[in-house]
PDB file of N, CA and C in Angstrom:
ATOM      1  N   UNK A   1      55.993 151.860 127.822  1.00  0.00           N
ATOM      2  CA  UNK A   1      54.834 151.279 127.162  1.00  0.00           C
ATOM      3  C   UNK A   1      55.052 149.784 126.970  1.00  0.00           C
ATOM      4  N   UNK A   2      54.041 149.008 127.221  1.00  0.00           N
ATOM      5  CA  UNK A   2      54.159 147.560 127.133  1.00  0.00           C
ATOM      6  C   UNK A   2      53.857 147.013 125.752  1.00  0.00           C
ATOM      7  N   UNK A   3      53.413 147.814 124.815  1.00  0.00           N
ATOM      8  CA  UNK A   3      53.118 147.324 123.471  1.00  0.00           C
ATOM      9  C   UNK A   3      51.626 147.229 123.233  1.00  0.00           C
ATOM     10  N   UNK A   4      51.271 146.811 122.038  1.00  0.00           N
ATOM     11  CA  UNK A   4      49.860 146.633 121.723  1.00  0.00           C
ATOM     12  C   UNK A   4      49.665 145.319 120.983  1.00  0.00           C
ATOM     13  N   UNK A   5      48.441 145.017 120.639  1.00  0.00           N
ATOM     14  CA  UNK A   5      48.123 143.721 120.044  1.00  0.00           C
ATOM     15  C   UNK A   5      48.861 143.490 118.733  1.00  0.00           C
ATOM     16  N   UNK A   6      49.016 144.483 117.900  1.00  0.00           N
ATOM     17  CA  UNK A   6      49.592 144.263 116.580  1.00  0.00           C
ATOM     18  C   UNK A   6      51.123 144.293 116.542  1.00  0.00           C
ATOM     19  N   UNK A   7      51.759 145.071 117.387  1.00  0.00           N
ATOM     20  CA  UNK A   7      53.213 145.184 117.311  1.00  0.00           C
ATOM     21  C   UNK A   7      53.928 144.444 118.417  1.00  0.00           C
ATOM     22  N   UNK A   8      53.271 143.938 119.327  1.00  0.00           N
ATOM     23  CA  UNK A   8      53.881 143.256 120.458  1.00  0.00           C
ATOM     24  C   UNK A   8      52.810 143.156 121.505  1.00  0.00           C
ATOM     25  N   UNK A   9      53.119 142.935 122.680  1.00  0.00           N
ATOM     26  CA  UNK A   9      54.456 142.672 123.178  1.00  0.00           C
ATOM     27  C   UNK A   9      54.805 141.197 123.060  1.00  0.00           C
ATOM     28  N   UNK A  10      56.041 140.900 123.059  1.00  0.00           N
ATOM     29  CA  UNK A  10      56.464 139.516 123.187  1.00  0.00           C
ATOM     30  C   UNK A  10      56.455 139.242 124.681  1.00  0.00           C
ATOM     31  N   UNK A  11      55.992 138.107 125.088  1.00  0.00           N
ATOM     32  CA  UNK A  11      55.858 137.826 126.507  1.00  0.00           C
ATOM     33  C   UNK A  11      57.180 137.361 127.101  1.00  0.00           C
ATOM     34  N   UNK A  12      58.097 138.281 127.234  1.00  0.00           N
ATOM     35  CA  UNK A  12      59.382 137.981 127.855  1.00  0.00           C
ATOM     36  C   UNK A  12      59.214 138.007 129.367  1.00  0.00           C
ATOM     37  N   UNK A  13      60.037 137.234 130.085  1.00  0.00           N
ATOM     38  CA  UNK A  13      59.934 137.234 131.545  1.00  0.00           C
ATOM     39  C   UNK A  13      60.021 138.655 132.096  1.00  0.00           C
ATOM     40  N   UNK A  14      59.108 138.986 132.980  1.00  0.00           N
ATOM     41  CA  UNK A  14      59.121 140.286 133.625  1.00  0.00           C
ATOM     42  C   UNK A  14      58.311 141.353 132.906  1.00  0.00           C
ATOM     43  N   UNK A  15      57.964 141.148 131.639  1.00  0.00           N
ATOM     44  CA  UNK A  15      57.199 142.158 130.911  1.00  0.00           C
ATOM     45  C   UNK A  15      55.750 142.173 131.387  1.00  0.00           C
ATOM     46  N   UNK A  16      55.156 141.009 131.507  1.00  0.00           N
ATOM     47  CA  UNK A  16      53.804 140.870 132.034  1.00  0.00           C
ATOM     48  C   UNK A  16      53.814 139.763 133.069  1.00  0.00           C
ATOM     49  N   UNK A  17      52.987 139.929 134.085  1.00  0.00           N
ATOM     50  CA  UNK A  17      52.818 138.838 135.039  1.00  0.00           C
ATOM     51  C   UNK A  17      51.993 137.748 134.359  1.00  0.00           C
ATOM     52  N   UNK A  18      51.988 136.561 134.944  1.00  0.00           N
ATOM     53  CA  UNK A  18      51.184 135.470 134.382  1.00  0.00           C
ATOM     54  C   UNK A  18      49.703 135.836 134.355  1.00  0.00           C
ATOM     55  N   UNK A  19      49.242 136.518 135.397  1.00  0.00           N
ATOM     56  CA  UNK A  19      47.820 136.884 135.431  1.00  0.00           C
ATOM     57  C   UNK A  19      47.498 137.954 134.386  1.00  0.00           C
ATOM     58  N   UNK A  20      48.418 138.891 134.132  1.00  0.00           N
ATOM     59  CA  UNK A  20      48.195 139.885 133.075  1.00  0.00           C
ATOM     60  C   UNK A  20      48.150 139.213 131.704  1.00  0.00           C
ATOM     61  N   UNK A  21      49.056 138.295 131.476  1.00  0.00           N
ATOM     62  CA  UNK A  21      49.089 137.577 130.201  1.00  0.00           C
ATOM     63  C   UNK A  21      47.786 136.804 129.992  1.00  0.00           C
ATOM     64  N   UNK A  22      47.362 136.086 131.040  1.00  0.00           N
ATOM     65  CA  UNK A  22      46.115 135.317 130.961  1.00  0.00           C
ATOM     66  C   UNK A  22      44.941 136.246 130.645  1.00  0.00           C
ATOM     67  N   UNK A  23      44.888 137.400 131.306  1.00  0.00           N
ATOM     68  CA  UNK A  23      43.785 138.336 131.081  1.00  0.00           C
ATOM     69  C   UNK A  23      43.801 138.896 129.654  1.00  0.00           C
ATOM     70  N   UNK A  24      44.966 139.263 129.147  1.00  0.00           N
ATOM     71  CA  UNK A  24      45.065 139.801 127.782  1.00  0.00           C
ATOM     72  C   UNK A  24      44.593 138.787 126.742  1.00  0.00           C
ATOM     73  N   UNK A  25      44.966 137.538 126.925  1.00  0.00           N
ATOM     74  CA  UNK A  25      44.532 136.504 125.985  1.00  0.00           C
ATOM     75  C   UNK A  25      43.043 136.217 126.171  1.00  0.00           C
ATOM     76  N   UNK A  26      42.562 136.184 127.413  1.00  0.00           N
ATOM     77  CA  UNK A  26      41.136 135.986 127.685  1.00  0.00           C
ATOM     78  C   UNK A  26      40.296 137.023 126.936  1.00  0.00           C
ATOM     79  N   UNK A  27      40.742 138.261 126.926  1.00  0.00           N
ATOM     80  CA  UNK A  27      40.013 139.341 126.266  1.00  0.00           C
ATOM     81  C   UNK A  27      39.839 139.097 124.766  1.00  0.00           C
ATOM     82  N   UNK A  28      40.659 138.227 124.191  1.00  0.00           N
ATOM     83  CA  UNK A  28      40.544 137.907 122.770  1.00  0.00           C
ATOM     84  C   UNK A  28      39.486 136.836 122.501  1.00  0.00           C
ATOM     85  N   UNK A  29      38.941 136.242 123.562  1.00  0.00           N
ATOM     86  CA  UNK A  29      37.881 135.251 123.399  1.00  0.00           C
ATOM     87  C   UNK A  29      36.600 135.907 122.896  1.00  0.00           C
ATOM     88  N   UNK A  30      35.736 135.100 122.314  1.00  0.00           N
ATOM     89  CA  UNK A  30      34.468 135.590 121.760  1.00  0.00           C
ATOM     90  C   UNK A  30      33.453 135.745 122.888  1.00  0.00           C
ATOM     91  N   UNK A  31      32.887 136.941 123.004  1.00  0.00           N
ATOM     92  CA  UNK A  31      31.882 137.215 124.030  1.00  0.00           C
ATOM     93  C   UNK A  31      30.564 136.565 123.621  1.00  0.00           C
ATOM     94  N   UNK A  32      29.963 135.839 124.554  1.00  0.00           N
ATOM     95  CA  UNK A  32      28.634 135.261 124.361  1.00  0.00           C
ATOM     96  C   UNK A  32      27.655 136.230 125.021  1.00  0.00           C
ATOM     97  N   UNK A  33      26.799 136.898 124.256  1.00  0.00           N
ATOM     98  CA  UNK A  33      25.923 137.922 124.830  1.00  0.00           C
ATOM     99  C   UNK A  33      24.945 137.398 125.882  1.00  0.00           C
ATOM    100  N   UNK A  34      24.773 136.089 125.947  1.00  0.00           N
ATOM    101  CA  UNK A  34      23.857 135.505 126.931  1.00  0.00           C
ATOM    102  C   UNK A  34      24.535 135.190 128.255  1.00  0.00           C
ATOM    103  N   UNK A  35      25.847 135.412 128.335  1.00  0.00           N
ATOM    104  CA  UNK A  35      26.589 135.031 129.541  1.00  0.00           C
ATOM    105  C   UNK A  35      27.443 136.193 130.036  1.00  0.00           C
ATOM    106  N   UNK A  36      27.842 136.121 131.301  1.00  0.00           N
ATOM    107  CA  UNK A  36      28.714 137.140 131.898  1.00  0.00           C
ATOM    108  C   UNK A  36      30.084 137.088 131.224  1.00  0.00           C
ATOM    109  N   UNK A  37      30.472 138.169 130.557  1.00  0.00           N
ATOM    110  CA  UNK A  37      31.716 138.223 129.788  1.00  0.00           C
ATOM    111  C   UNK A  37      32.966 138.085 130.653  1.00  0.00           C
ATOM    112  N   UNK A  38      32.844 138.345 131.948  1.00  0.00           N
ATOM    113  CA  UNK A  38      33.985 138.202 132.848  1.00  0.00           C
ATOM    114  C   UNK A  38      34.212 136.760 133.283  1.00  0.00           C
ATOM    115  N   UNK A  39      33.203 135.930 133.106  1.00  0.00           N
ATOM    116  CA  UNK A  39      33.282 134.526 133.522  1.00  0.00           C
ATOM    117  C   UNK A  39      33.346 133.591 132.323  1.00  0.00           C
ATOM    118  N   UNK A  40      32.557 133.869 131.300  1.00  0.00           N
ATOM    119  CA  UNK A  40      32.419 132.977 130.148  1.00  0.00           C
ATOM    120  C   UNK A  40      32.858 133.642 128.854  1.00  0.00           C
ATOM    121  N   UNK A  41      33.484 132.871 127.994  1.00  0.00           N
ATOM    122  CA  UNK A  41      33.792 133.276 126.617  1.00  0.00           C
ATOM    123  C   UNK A  41      33.689 132.018 125.767  1.00  0.00           C
ATOM    124  N   UNK A  42      33.862 132.199 124.490  1.00  0.00           N
ATOM    125  CA  UNK A  42      33.965 131.072 123.566  1.00  0.00           C
ATOM    126  C   UNK A  42      35.293 131.185 122.846  1.00  0.00           C
ATOM    127  N   UNK A  43      35.898 130.037 122.561  1.00  0.00           N
ATOM    128  CA  UNK A  43      37.121 130.075 121.761  1.00  0.00           C
ATOM    129  C   UNK A  43      36.731 130.174 120.286  1.00  0.00           C
ATOM    130  N   UNK A  44      37.699 130.197 119.393  1.00  0.00           N
ATOM    131  CA  UNK A  44      37.400 130.380 117.966  1.00  0.00           C
ATOM    132  C   UNK A  44      36.634 129.205 117.359  1.00  0.00           C
ATOM    133  N   UNK A  45      36.611 128.059 118.046  1.00  0.00           N
ATOM    134  CA  UNK A  45      35.845 126.915 117.548  1.00  0.00           C
ATOM    135  C   UNK A  45      34.401 126.947 118.042  1.00  0.00           C
ATOM    136  N   UNK A  46      34.092 127.880 118.956  1.00  0.00           N
ATOM    137  CA  UNK A  46      32.758 127.978 119.528  1.00  0.00           C
ATOM    138  C   UNK A  46      32.616 127.268 120.861  1.00  0.00           C
ATOM    139  N   UNK A  47      33.677 126.616 121.320  1.00  0.00           N
ATOM    140  CA  UNK A  47      33.626 125.903 122.598  1.00  0.00           C
ATOM    141  C   UNK A  47      33.613 126.900 123.760  1.00  0.00           C
ATOM    142  N   UNK A  48      32.773 126.626 124.757  1.00  0.00           N
ATOM    143  CA  UNK A  48      32.712 127.476 125.943  1.00  0.00           C
ATOM    144  C   UNK A  48      33.972 127.316 126.779  1.00  0.00           C
ATOM    145  N   UNK A  49      34.442 128.441 127.311  1.00  0.00           N
ATOM    146  CA  UNK A  49      35.558 128.433 128.257  1.00  0.00           C
ATOM    147  C   UNK A  49      35.171 129.307 129.444  1.00  0.00           C
ATOM    148  N   UNK A  50      35.701 128.968 130.611  1.00  0.00           N
ATOM    149  CA  UNK A  50      35.396 129.688 131.844  1.00  0.00           C
ATOM    150  C   UNK A  50      36.700 130.239 132.408  1.00  0.00           C
ATOM    151  N   UNK A  51      36.714 131.532 132.724  1.00  0.00           N
ATOM    152  CA  UNK A  51      37.951 132.185 133.145  1.00  0.00           C
ATOM    153  C   UNK A  51      38.648 131.434 134.280  1.00  0.00           C
ATOM    154  N   UNK A  52      37.899 131.033 135.282  1.00  0.00           N
ATOM    155  CA  UNK A  52      38.492 130.375 136.453  1.00  0.00           C
ATOM    156  C   UNK A  52      39.026 128.975 136.157  1.00  0.00           C
ATOM    157  N   UNK A  53      38.701 128.422 134.987  1.00  0.00           N
ATOM    158  CA  UNK A  53      39.148 127.075 134.633  1.00  0.00           C
ATOM    159  C   UNK A  53      40.426 127.085 133.792  1.00  0.00           C
ATOM    160  N   UNK A  54      41.138 128.205 133.777  1.00  0.00           N
ATOM    161  CA  UNK A  54      42.389 128.297 133.026  1.00  0.00           C
ATOM    162  C   UNK A  54      43.347 127.181 133.457  1.00  0.00           C
ATOM    163  N   UNK A  55      43.848 126.435 132.498  1.00  0.00           N
ATOM    164  CA  UNK A  55      44.822 125.377 132.756  1.00  0.00           C
ATOM    165  C   UNK A  55      44.239 124.078 133.285  1.00  0.00           C
ATOM    166  N   UNK A  56      42.935 124.017 133.505  1.00  0.00           N
ATOM    167  CA  UNK A  56      42.300 122.818 134.056  1.00  0.00           C
ATOM    168  C   UNK A  56      41.869 121.893 132.918  1.00  0.00           C
ATOM    169  N   UNK A  57      42.713 120.948 132.592  1.00  0.00           N
ATOM    170  CA  UNK A  57      42.424 120.018 131.493  1.00  0.00           C
ATOM    171  C   UNK A  57      41.342 118.999 131.838  1.00  0.00           C
ATOM    172  N   UNK A  58      40.984 118.892 133.104  1.00  0.00           N
ATOM    173  CA  UNK A  58      39.940 117.954 133.512  1.00  0.00           C
ATOM    174  C   UNK A  58      38.542 118.568 133.368  1.00  0.00           C
ATOM    175  N   UNK A  59      38.476 119.868 133.153  1.00  0.00           N
ATOM    176  CA  UNK A  59      37.193 120.563 133.050  1.00  0.00           C
ATOM    177  C   UNK A  59      36.768 120.716 131.593  1.00  0.00           C
ATOM    178  N   UNK A  60      35.493 120.517 131.322  1.00  0.00           N
ATOM    179  CA  UNK A  60      35.006 120.723 129.952  1.00  0.00           C
ATOM    180  C   UNK A  60      35.060 122.190 129.552  1.00  0.00           C
ATOM    181  N   UNK A  61      35.246 123.092 130.544  1.00  0.00           N
ATOM    182  CA  UNK A  61      35.366 124.525 130.271  1.00  0.00           C
ATOM    183  C   UNK A  61      36.794 125.032 130.450  1.00  0.00           C
ATOM    184  N   UNK A  62      37.727 124.108 130.647  1.00  0.00           N
ATOM    185  CA  UNK A  62      39.128 124.483 130.809  1.00  0.00           C
ATOM    186  C   UNK A  62      39.684 125.080 129.524  1.00  0.00           C
ATOM    187  N   UNK A  63      40.672 125.959 129.674  1.00  0.00           N
ATOM    188  CA  UNK A  63      41.263 126.593 128.493  1.00  0.00           C
ATOM    189  C   UNK A  63      42.742 126.854 128.716  1.00  0.00           C
ATOM    190  N   UNK A  64      43.412 127.039 127.608  1.00  0.00           N
ATOM    191  CA  UNK A  64      44.846 127.312 127.620  1.00  0.00           C
ATOM    192  C   UNK A  64      45.129 128.423 126.622  1.00  0.00           C
ATOM    193  N   UNK A  65      46.339 128.938 126.678  1.00  0.00           N
ATOM    194  CA  UNK A  65      46.779 129.922 125.693  1.00  0.00           C
ATOM    195  C   UNK A  65      47.355 129.155 124.514  1.00  0.00           C
ATOM    196  N   UNK A  66      46.799 129.398 123.345  1.00  0.00           N
ATOM    197  CA  UNK A  66      47.164 128.688 122.127  1.00  0.00           C
ATOM    198  C   UNK A  66      47.876 129.621 121.161  1.00  0.00           C
ATOM    199  N   UNK A  67      48.852 129.083 120.450  1.00  0.00           N
ATOM    200  CA  UNK A  67      49.514 129.823 119.375  1.00  0.00           C
ATOM    201  C   UNK A  67      48.722 129.609 118.089  1.00  0.00           C
ATOM    202  N   UNK A  68      48.318 130.670 117.433  1.00  0.00           N
ATOM    203  CA  UNK A  68      47.596 130.561 116.165  1.00  0.00           C
ATOM    204  C   UNK A  68      48.506 129.916 115.124  1.00  0.00           C
ATOM    205  N   UNK A  69      49.710 130.449 114.990  1.00  0.00           N
ATOM    206  CA  UNK A  69      50.752 129.813 114.177  1.00  0.00           C
ATOM    207  C   UNK A  69      51.706 129.170 115.176  1.00  0.00           C
ATOM    208  N   UNK A  70      51.781 127.848 115.218  1.00  0.00           N
ATOM    209  CA  UNK A  70      52.609 127.166 116.216  1.00  0.00           C
ATOM    210  C   UNK A  70      54.074 127.603 116.152  1.00  0.00           C
ATOM    211  N   UNK A  71      54.690 127.675 117.313  1.00  0.00           N
ATOM    212  CA  UNK A  71      56.109 128.027 117.402  1.00  0.00           C
ATOM    213  C   UNK A  71      56.941 127.056 116.566  1.00  0.00           C
ATOM    214  N   UNK A  72      56.530 125.802 116.509  1.00  0.00           N
ATOM    215  CA  UNK A  72      57.275 124.778 115.759  1.00  0.00           C
ATOM    216  C   UNK A  72      57.383 125.084 114.266  1.00  0.00           C
ATOM    217  N   UNK A  73      56.480 125.924 113.761  1.00  0.00           N
ATOM    218  CA  UNK A  73      56.536 126.273 112.337  1.00  0.00           C
ATOM    219  C   UNK A  73      56.744 127.774 112.132  1.00  0.00           C
ATOM    220  N   UNK A  74      57.358 128.417 113.121  1.00  0.00           N
ATOM    221  CA  UNK A  74      57.740 129.820 112.972  1.00  0.00           C
ATOM    222  C   UNK A  74      56.859 130.835 113.662  1.00  0.00           C
ATOM    223  N   UNK A  75      55.873 130.390 114.423  1.00  0.00           N
ATOM    224  CA  UNK A  75      55.014 131.324 115.155  1.00  0.00           C
ATOM    225  C   UNK A  75      55.764 131.995 116.293  1.00  0.00           C
ATOM    226  N   UNK A  76      55.191 133.065 116.816  1.00  0.00           N
ATOM    227  CA  UNK A  76      55.825 133.837 117.885  1.00  0.00           C
ATOM    228  C   UNK A  76      54.953 133.844 119.131  1.00  0.00           C
ATOM    229  N   UNK A  77      55.481 134.445 120.194  1.00  0.00           N
ATOM    230  CA  UNK A  77      54.734 134.637 121.430  1.00  0.00           C
ATOM    231  C   UNK A  77      54.097 136.024 121.497  1.00  0.00           C
ATOM    232  N   UNK A  78      54.065 136.748 120.381  1.00  0.00           N
ATOM    233  CA  UNK A  78      53.408 138.048 120.366  1.00  0.00           C
ATOM    234  C   UNK A  78      51.911 137.861 120.556  1.00  0.00           C
ATOM    235  N   UNK A  79      51.282 138.839 121.195  1.00  0.00           N
ATOM    236  CA  UNK A  79      49.865 138.740 121.523  1.00  0.00           C
ATOM    237  C   UNK A  79      48.992 138.473 120.298  1.00  0.00           C
ATOM    238  N   UNK A  80      49.331 139.037 119.156  1.00  0.00           N
ATOM    239  CA  UNK A  80      48.494 138.817 117.969  1.00  0.00           C
ATOM    240  C   UNK A  80      48.505 137.361 117.514  1.00  0.00           C
ATOM    241  N   UNK A  81      49.462 136.569 117.988  1.00  0.00           N
ATOM    242  CA  UNK A  81      49.546 135.155 117.617  1.00  0.00           C
ATOM    243  C   UNK A  81      49.008 134.235 118.718  1.00  0.00           C
ATOM    244  N   UNK A  82      48.401 134.795 119.737  1.00  0.00           N
ATOM    245  CA  UNK A  82      47.884 134.006 120.853  1.00  0.00           C
ATOM    246  C   UNK A  82      46.371 134.146 120.930  1.00  0.00           C
ATOM    247  N   UNK A  83      45.727 133.076 121.407  1.00  0.00           N
ATOM    248  CA  UNK A  83      44.275 133.089 121.577  1.00  0.00           C
ATOM    249  C   UNK A  83      43.909 132.095 122.674  1.00  0.00           C
ATOM    250  N   UNK A  84      42.746 132.292 123.294  1.00  0.00           N
ATOM    251  CA  UNK A  84      42.285 131.300 124.257  1.00  0.00           C
ATOM    252  C   UNK A  84      41.711 130.106 123.503  1.00  0.00           C
ATOM    253  N   UNK A  85      41.954 128.908 124.008  1.00  0.00           N
ATOM    254  CA  UNK A  85      41.440 127.711 123.349  1.00  0.00           C
ATOM    255  C   UNK A  85      41.045 126.682 124.390  1.00  0.00           C
ATOM    256  N   UNK A  86      39.851 126.135 124.234  1.00  0.00           N
ATOM    257  CA  UNK A  86      39.374 125.072 125.102  1.00  0.00           C
ATOM    258  C   UNK A  86      40.415 123.956 125.139  1.00  0.00           C
ATOM    259  N   UNK A  87      40.678 123.409 126.313  1.00  0.00           N
ATOM    260  CA  UNK A  87      41.726 122.382 126.465  1.00  0.00           C
ATOM    261  C   UNK A  87      41.519 121.191 125.545  1.00  0.00           C
ATOM    262  N   UNK A  88      40.279 120.769 125.352  1.00  0.00           N
ATOM    263  CA  UNK A  88      40.029 119.622 124.484  1.00  0.00           C
ATOM    264  C   UNK A  88      40.372 119.957 123.040  1.00  0.00           C
ATOM    265  N   UNK A  89      40.055 121.171 122.610  1.00  0.00           N
ATOM    266  CA  UNK A  89      40.402 121.611 121.258  1.00  0.00           C
ATOM    267  C   UNK A  89      41.907 121.701 121.094  1.00  0.00           C
ATOM    268  N   UNK A  90      42.601 122.197 122.125  1.00  0.00           N
ATOM    269  CA  UNK A  90      44.050 122.371 122.057  1.00  0.00           C
ATOM    270  C   UNK A  90      44.759 121.027 121.981  1.00  0.00           C
ATOM    271  N   UNK A  91      44.299 120.047 122.729  1.00  0.00           N
ATOM    272  CA  UNK A  91      44.923 118.719 122.687  1.00  0.00           C
ATOM    273  C   UNK A  91      44.759 118.099 121.305  1.00  0.00           C
ATOM    274  N   UNK A  92      43.600 118.286 120.705  1.00  0.00           N
ATOM    275  CA  UNK A  92      43.366 117.754 119.360  1.00  0.00           C
ATOM    276  C   UNK A  92      44.246 118.437 118.330  1.00  0.00           C
ATOM    277  N   UNK A  93      44.394 119.749 118.439  1.00  0.00           N
ATOM    278  CA  UNK A  93      45.213 120.501 117.486  1.00  0.00           C
ATOM    279  C   UNK A  93      46.675 120.092 117.588  1.00  0.00           C
ATOM    280  N   UNK A  94      47.154 119.863 118.809  1.00  0.00           N
ATOM    281  CA  UNK A  94      48.543 119.439 118.984  1.00  0.00           C
ATOM    282  C   UNK A  94      48.806 118.111 118.310  1.00  0.00           C
ATOM    283  N   UNK A  95      47.844 117.203 118.392  1.00  0.00           N
ATOM    284  CA  UNK A  95      47.994 115.918 117.730  1.00  0.00           C
ATOM    285  C   UNK A  95      48.023 116.059 116.221  1.00  0.00           C
ATOM    286  N   UNK A  96      47.208 116.961 115.701  1.00  0.00           N
ATOM    287  CA  UNK A  96      47.188 117.194 114.258  1.00  0.00           C
ATOM    288  C   UNK A  96      48.495 117.801 113.778  1.00  0.00           C
ATOM    289  N   UNK A  97      49.053 118.732 114.553  1.00  0.00           N
ATOM    290  CA  UNK A  97      50.314 119.352 114.157  1.00  0.00           C
ATOM    291  C   UNK A  97      51.426 118.320 114.124  1.00  0.00           C
ATOM    292  N   UNK A  98      51.454 117.442 115.110  1.00  0.00           N
ATOM    293  CA  UNK A  98      52.473 116.395 115.120  1.00  0.00           C
ATOM    294  C   UNK A  98      52.392 115.528 113.882  1.00  0.00           C
ATOM    295  N   UNK A  99      51.184 115.223 113.457  1.00  0.00           N
ATOM    296  CA  UNK A  99      50.990 114.428 112.244  1.00  0.00           C
ATOM    297  C   UNK A  99      51.502 115.173 111.019  1.00  0.00           C
ATOM    298  N   UNK A 100      51.207 116.452 110.931  1.00  0.00           N
ATOM    299  CA  UNK A 100      51.660 117.261 109.796  1.00  0.00           C
ATOM    300  C   UNK A 100      53.180 117.355 109.775  1.00  0.00           C
ATOM    301  N   UNK A 101      53.787 117.596 110.934  1.00  0.00           N
ATOM    302  CA  UNK A 101      55.240 117.777 110.991  1.00  0.00           C
ATOM    303  C   UNK A 101      56.006 116.492 110.708  1.00  0.00           C
ATOM    304  N   UNK A 102      55.478 115.363 111.154  1.00  0.00           N
ATOM    305  CA  UNK A 102      56.200 114.102 110.975  1.00  0.00           C
ATOM    306  C   UNK A 102      55.764 113.347 109.729  1.00  0.00           C
ATOM    307  N   UNK A 103      54.595 113.684 109.210  1.00  0.00           N
ATOM    308  CA  UNK A 103      54.078 112.983 108.042  1.00  0.00           C
ATOM    309  C   UNK A 103      53.482 111.629 108.382  1.00  0.00           C
ATOM    310  N   UNK A 104      53.376 111.330 109.697  1.00  0.00           N
ATOM    311  CA  UNK A 104      52.816 110.042 110.124  1.00  0.00           C
ATOM    312  C   UNK A 104      51.349 110.188 110.454  1.00  0.00           C
ATOM    313  N   UNK A 105      50.614 109.142 110.238  1.00  0.00           N
ATOM    314  CA  UNK A 105      49.201 109.107 110.624  1.00  0.00           C
ATOM    315  C   UNK A 105      49.040 108.113 111.748  1.00  0.00           C
ATOM    316  N   UNK A 106      48.087 108.407 112.630  1.00  0.00           N
ATOM    317  CA  UNK A 106      47.842 107.521 113.782  1.00  0.00           C
ATOM    318  C   UNK A 106      46.787 106.504 113.455  1.00  0.00           C
TER     319      UNK A 106
END
């Protein structure tokens, strides 16, 4: 058994392929009833993401796998701590975390 959303799995090498991991996290995206759920979702901020644009930071619909609780502050790679996030949202969140961790403002 590979685990479930609440108890695991931790994404250790060999447990899931990259495409399986991407699909599991994609499934956690918010379904927009007006769009094809296999192509379009929304992240938790409401930003549209497109499945085929995974990892494409140049696309307004690009998305990445985001840690809800960042690893830098004790988060894990378990599925319950991962979510899809629009690349623009993820870049902004990373900048905010750096500010919180260092205490510096830009």
